[in-house]
Amino acid sequence: MKAMILAAGRGERMRPLTDHTPKPLLLVAGKPIIVHTIIQLVNAGFTDIVINHAHLGEQIETTLGNGHQFGATICYSPEGEQGLETAGGIINALPLLGDETFLVVNGDIATDFDFASLKNLPVDLAHIVLVPNPPHHPAGDFGLNDTGLVYEHAHEQFTFSGIGVYSPLSFATLPAGSRKLGGLLRQAMSNQRVSGQIHTGFWLDIGTPERLQELNVYYLASHEKALL
């Protein structure tokens, strides 16, 4: 099962840090954000990885190379300077992702989620991971019913974590171009074709310099705890 890391975001809220460095290469606990994700994926058995990129994307390819240093094989899906949004980026990368379901992870999140639990998961069009709403997103995105189906609206809403497993059929008939993932997910939800689960462990959207520092503190504390 292949995995894709979405790494084409401009990182406007991270400026000026992202003026000369792509967001996925910002350092946290001594390593680029994206390297932490790659290591997690490899440890979970995902060694075939596709990474899209846009703003300053050549730096990502130069830093990560073919992925062998991490025990992975990395292929790249360049999108030019502007990028294609989340769904557009996946559509552009379909030739690299193959005919089977694949995992997609946002490149600007950090989590202790067990990616291995998603390997070989039966999926209709999509299966997404939800998390309790963080302070910066109190209204949430979607709901989850007792049968494991995800709704657009529910009494209790959760936040989309940026982790999902998708069938290529979700994107195969769509034309190339810039397109967001949210609209596609909502359409599939209306047809009851999106399943989901809730992760209550650590998860952080690394959207601001303050949250980058928060993540740095978390990783350093985790390392110190491991040494005890």
Protein backbone atom coordinates (compact mmCIF):
# COMPACT_ATOMS: atom_id res chain seq x y z
CA MET A 1 0.00 0.00 0.00
CA LYS A 2 1.44 3.35 -1.05
CA ALA A 3 1.35 6.56 0.96
CA MET A 4 1.26 10.16 -0.17
CA ILE A 5 2.39 13.17 1.85
CA LEU A 6 0.76 16.45 0.85
CA ALA A 7 3.61 18.94 0.95
CA ALA A 8 2.63 21.60 -1.59
CA GLY A 9 1.13 24.20 0.75
CA ARG A 10 2.56 27.71 0.66
CA GLY A 11 2.56 28.10 4.46
CA GLU A 12 1.35 31.71 4.46
CA ARG A 13 0.66 31.72 8.21
CA MET A 14 4.24 30.58 8.80
CA ARG A 15 5.79 33.57 7.08
CA PRO A 16 8.50 34.81 7.22
CA LEU A 17 9.80 31.30 8.08
CA THR A 18 8.46 29.96 4.77
CA ASP A 19 9.71 32.79 2.56
CA HIS A 20 12.91 30.87 1.83
CA THR A 21 12.16 27.40 3.23
CA PRO A 22 9.20 25.20 2.28
CA LYS A 23 7.00 24.50 5.28
CA PRO A 24 7.70 20.73 5.33
CA LEU A 25 11.41 21.45 5.81
CA LEU A 26 11.01 23.66 8.89
CA LEU A 27 12.92 22.08 11.74
CA VAL A 28 11.32 20.61 14.83
CA ALA A 29 13.39 18.71 17.40
CA GLY A 30 16.33 18.87 15.02
CA LYS A 31 14.61 17.32 11.98
CA PRO A 32 12.41 18.69 9.19
CA ILE A 33 8.68 18.25 9.86
CA ILE A 34 8.33 15.95 6.87
CA VAL A 35 11.15 13.66 8.04
CA HIS A 36 9.25 12.88 11.24
CA THR A 37 6.27 11.85 9.08
CA ILE A 38 8.39 9.74 6.73
CA ILE A 39 9.95 7.88 9.65
CA GLN A 40 6.51 7.19 11.13
CA LEU A 41 5.24 5.88 7.81
CA VAL A 42 8.25 3.62 7.28
CA ASN A 43 7.96 2.24 10.81
CA ALA A 44 4.31 1.47 10.05
CA GLY A 45 5.22 -0.44 6.89
CA PHE A 46 4.62 2.27 4.29
CA THR A 47 7.85 2.37 2.32
CA ASP A 48 6.56 3.48 -1.10
CA ILE A 49 5.92 7.20 -0.64
CA VAL A 50 4.78 9.90 -3.05
CA ILE A 51 5.35 13.54 -2.12
CA ASN A 52 3.83 16.47 -4.00
CA HIS A 53 5.40 19.89 -3.81
CA ALA A 54 5.06 23.42 -5.15
CA HIS A 55 6.61 26.46 -3.40
CA LEU A 56 10.40 25.93 -3.23
CA GLY A 57 9.76 22.26 -3.94
CA GLU A 58 13.21 21.59 -5.34
CA GLN A 59 14.53 22.01 -1.79
CA ILE A 60 12.33 19.09 -0.68
CA GLU A 61 13.75 16.84 -3.41
CA THR A 62 17.31 17.88 -2.62
CA THR A 63 16.86 17.25 1.12
CA LEU A 64 15.02 13.93 0.93
CA GLY A 65 16.46 12.44 -2.26
CA ASN A 66 15.18 9.01 -3.22
CA GLY A 67 14.28 8.20 0.39
CA HIS A 68 16.72 5.33 0.80
CA GLN A 69 18.31 7.00 3.82
CA PHE A 70 14.96 6.47 5.60
CA GLY A 71 14.35 2.96 4.30
CA ALA A 72 11.80 4.28 1.80
CA THR A 73 11.41 4.82 -1.92
CA ILE A 74 10.22 8.37 -2.58
CA CYS A 75 8.73 9.65 -5.84
CA TYR A 76 7.81 13.28 -6.39
CA SER A 77 4.82 14.97 -7.98
CA PRO A 78 5.79 18.59 -8.75
CA GLU A 79 2.99 21.12 -9.24
CA GLY A 80 4.78 24.32 -10.13
CA GLU A 81 5.00 27.34 -7.84
CA GLN A 82 1.25 27.80 -7.24
CA GLY A 83 0.21 24.24 -6.36
CA LEU A 84 -3.06 22.42 -7.09
CA GLU A 85 -4.76 22.29 -3.67
CA THR A 86 -5.33 18.98 -1.88
CA ALA A 87 -7.56 17.05 -4.29
CA GLY A 88 -5.84 18.54 -7.32
CA GLY A 89 -2.52 17.37 -5.97
CA ILE A 90 -3.82 13.83 -5.50
CA ILE A 91 -5.30 13.78 -9.02
CA ASN A 92 -1.97 14.94 -10.44
CA ALA A 93 -0.16 12.14 -8.55
CA LEU A 94 -2.54 9.29 -9.53
CA PRO A 95 -0.12 7.82 -12.09
CA LEU A 96 2.38 7.36 -9.23
CA LEU A 97 -0.17 5.99 -6.76
CA GLY A 98 -1.39 2.99 -8.75
CA ASP A 99 -4.71 1.19 -8.91
CA GLU A 100 -5.13 0.21 -5.25
CA THR A 101 -6.25 2.22 -2.24
CA PHE A 102 -3.61 4.54 -0.83
CA LEU A 103 -2.93 6.51 2.34
CA VAL A 104 -2.74 10.31 2.26
CA VAL A 105 -1.26 12.35 5.12
CA ASN A 106 -1.11 16.13 5.32
CA GLY A 107 2.48 17.29 5.51
CA ASP A 108 1.72 19.90 8.17
CA ILE A 109 0.39 17.70 10.97
CA ALA A 110 2.07 15.81 13.79
CA THR A 111 0.46 12.87 15.53
CA ASP A 112 1.02 9.62 17.39
CA PHE A 113 -1.66 7.91 15.28
CA ASP A 114 -0.87 4.29 14.37
CA PHE A 115 -0.65 4.41 10.57
CA ALA A 116 -0.21 0.63 10.46
CA SER A 117 -3.85 0.25 11.54
CA LEU A 118 -4.90 1.56 8.12
CA LYS A 119 -3.00 -0.99 6.04
CA ASN A 120 -5.30 -3.28 4.02
CA LEU A 121 -8.36 -1.53 5.46
CA PRO A 122 -11.53 -2.21 3.41
CA VAL A 123 -12.51 1.14 1.90
CA ASP A 124 -15.41 2.21 -0.31
CA LEU A 125 -14.42 5.65 -1.65
CA ALA A 126 -12.69 7.02 1.46
CA HIS A 127 -11.92 6.35 5.11
CA ILE A 128 -10.83 9.36 7.16
CA VAL A 129 -9.46 9.90 10.65
CA LEU A 130 -11.18 12.49 12.83
CA VAL A 131 -9.90 14.12 16.01
CA PRO A 132 -11.50 16.13 18.84
CA ASN A 133 -11.79 19.78 17.88
CA PRO A 134 -8.69 21.85 18.70
CA PRO A 135 -9.06 25.36 20.18
CA HIS A 136 -8.44 27.03 16.82
CA HIS A 137 -11.21 24.99 15.11
CA PRO A 138 -13.98 24.59 17.71
CA ALA A 139 -16.84 23.95 15.25
CA GLY A 140 -15.23 20.88 13.72
CA ASP A 141 -15.81 19.51 10.22
CA PHE A 142 -17.78 16.26 10.21
CA GLY A 143 -19.78 13.87 12.34
CA LEU A 144 -19.56 10.09 12.74
CA ASN A 145 -22.51 7.75 13.26
CA ASP A 146 -22.68 4.45 15.14
CA THR A 147 -22.08 2.42 11.97
CA GLY A 148 -18.82 4.23 11.22
CA LEU A 149 -20.11 6.44 8.41
CA VAL A 150 -19.04 10.08 8.26
CA TYR A 151 -21.62 12.87 7.87
CA GLU A 152 -21.20 16.47 6.89
CA HIS A 153 -23.49 17.62 9.72
CA ALA A 154 -24.14 15.92 13.07
CA HIS A 155 -24.96 16.82 16.66
CA GLU A 156 -21.32 16.22 17.61
CA GLN A 157 -18.74 17.41 15.13
CA PHE A 158 -15.08 16.41 14.90
CA THR A 159 -12.11 17.81 13.00
CA PHE A 160 -10.64 16.11 9.94
CA SER A 161 -7.10 15.14 10.89
CA GLY A 162 -5.61 15.26 7.40
CA ILE A 163 -5.21 11.46 7.45
CA GLY A 164 -7.24 9.34 5.06
CA VAL A 165 -7.30 6.24 2.89
CA TYR A 166 -8.75 6.70 -0.59
CA SER A 167 -9.80 4.61 -3.53
CA PRO A 168 -8.42 5.87 -6.85
CA LEU A 169 -12.04 5.76 -8.03
CA SER A 170 -12.66 8.86 -5.89
CA PHE A 171 -10.52 10.89 -8.28
CA ALA A 172 -10.19 8.91 -11.53
CA THR A 173 -12.96 10.68 -13.46
CA LEU A 174 -12.06 14.21 -12.36
CA PRO A 175 -10.18 16.58 -14.68
CA ALA A 176 -6.76 17.86 -13.78
CA GLY A 177 -6.51 21.26 -12.13
CA SER A 178 -6.73 22.99 -8.78
CA ARG A 179 -9.36 21.41 -6.54
CA LYS A 180 -9.90 21.06 -2.79
CA LEU A 181 -10.54 17.74 -1.09
CA GLY A 182 -13.39 18.94 1.13
CA GLY A 183 -15.94 19.20 -1.67
CA LEU A 184 -15.18 15.69 -2.93
CA LEU A 185 -15.49 14.24 0.55
CA ARG A 186 -18.82 15.96 1.17
CA GLN A 187 -20.22 14.62 -2.10
CA ALA A 188 -19.12 11.08 -1.21
CA MET A 189 -20.56 11.50 2.31
CA SER A 190 -23.94 12.44 0.86
CA ASN A 191 -23.91 9.03 -0.85
CA GLN A 192 -22.83 7.26 2.37
CA ARG A 193 -19.51 6.21 0.89
CA VAL A 194 -17.09 7.63 3.48
CA SER A 195 -16.22 5.73 6.64
CA GLY A 196 -14.20 7.05 9.53
CA GLN A 197 -12.75 6.68 12.99
CA ILE A 198 -11.77 8.97 15.85
CA HIS A 199 -8.23 9.34 17.15
CA THR A 200 -8.03 10.71 20.69
CA GLY A 201 -4.25 10.68 21.05
CA PHE A 202 -1.76 13.38 20.17
CA TRP A 203 -2.50 15.44 17.05
CA LEU A 204 -1.41 18.93 16.08
CA ASP A 205 -1.99 21.07 13.01
CA ILE A 206 1.34 22.86 12.56
CA GLY A 207 -0.25 25.98 11.15
CA THR A 208 1.54 28.80 12.96
CA PRO A 209 5.01 29.54 14.40
CA GLU A 210 3.49 29.16 17.88
CA ARG A 211 2.29 25.64 17.10
CA LEU A 212 5.66 24.80 15.59
CA GLN A 213 7.24 25.74 18.91
CA GLU A 214 4.56 23.75 20.77
CA LEU A 215 5.50 20.70 18.69
CA ASN A 216 9.18 21.23 19.40
CA VAL A 217 8.47 21.20 23.13
CA TYR A 218 6.32 18.04 22.74
CA TYR A 219 9.03 16.13 20.86
CA LEU A 220 11.76 17.16 23.25
CA ALA A 221 9.63 16.18 26.27
CA SER A 222 8.85 12.82 24.63
CA HIS A 223 12.57 12.21 24.05
CA GLU A 224 13.43 13.04 27.65
CA LYS A 225 10.66 10.74 28.87
CA ALA A 226 12.02 7.90 26.71
CA LEU A 227 15.43 8.28 28.38
CA LEU A 228 14.01 7.86 31.90
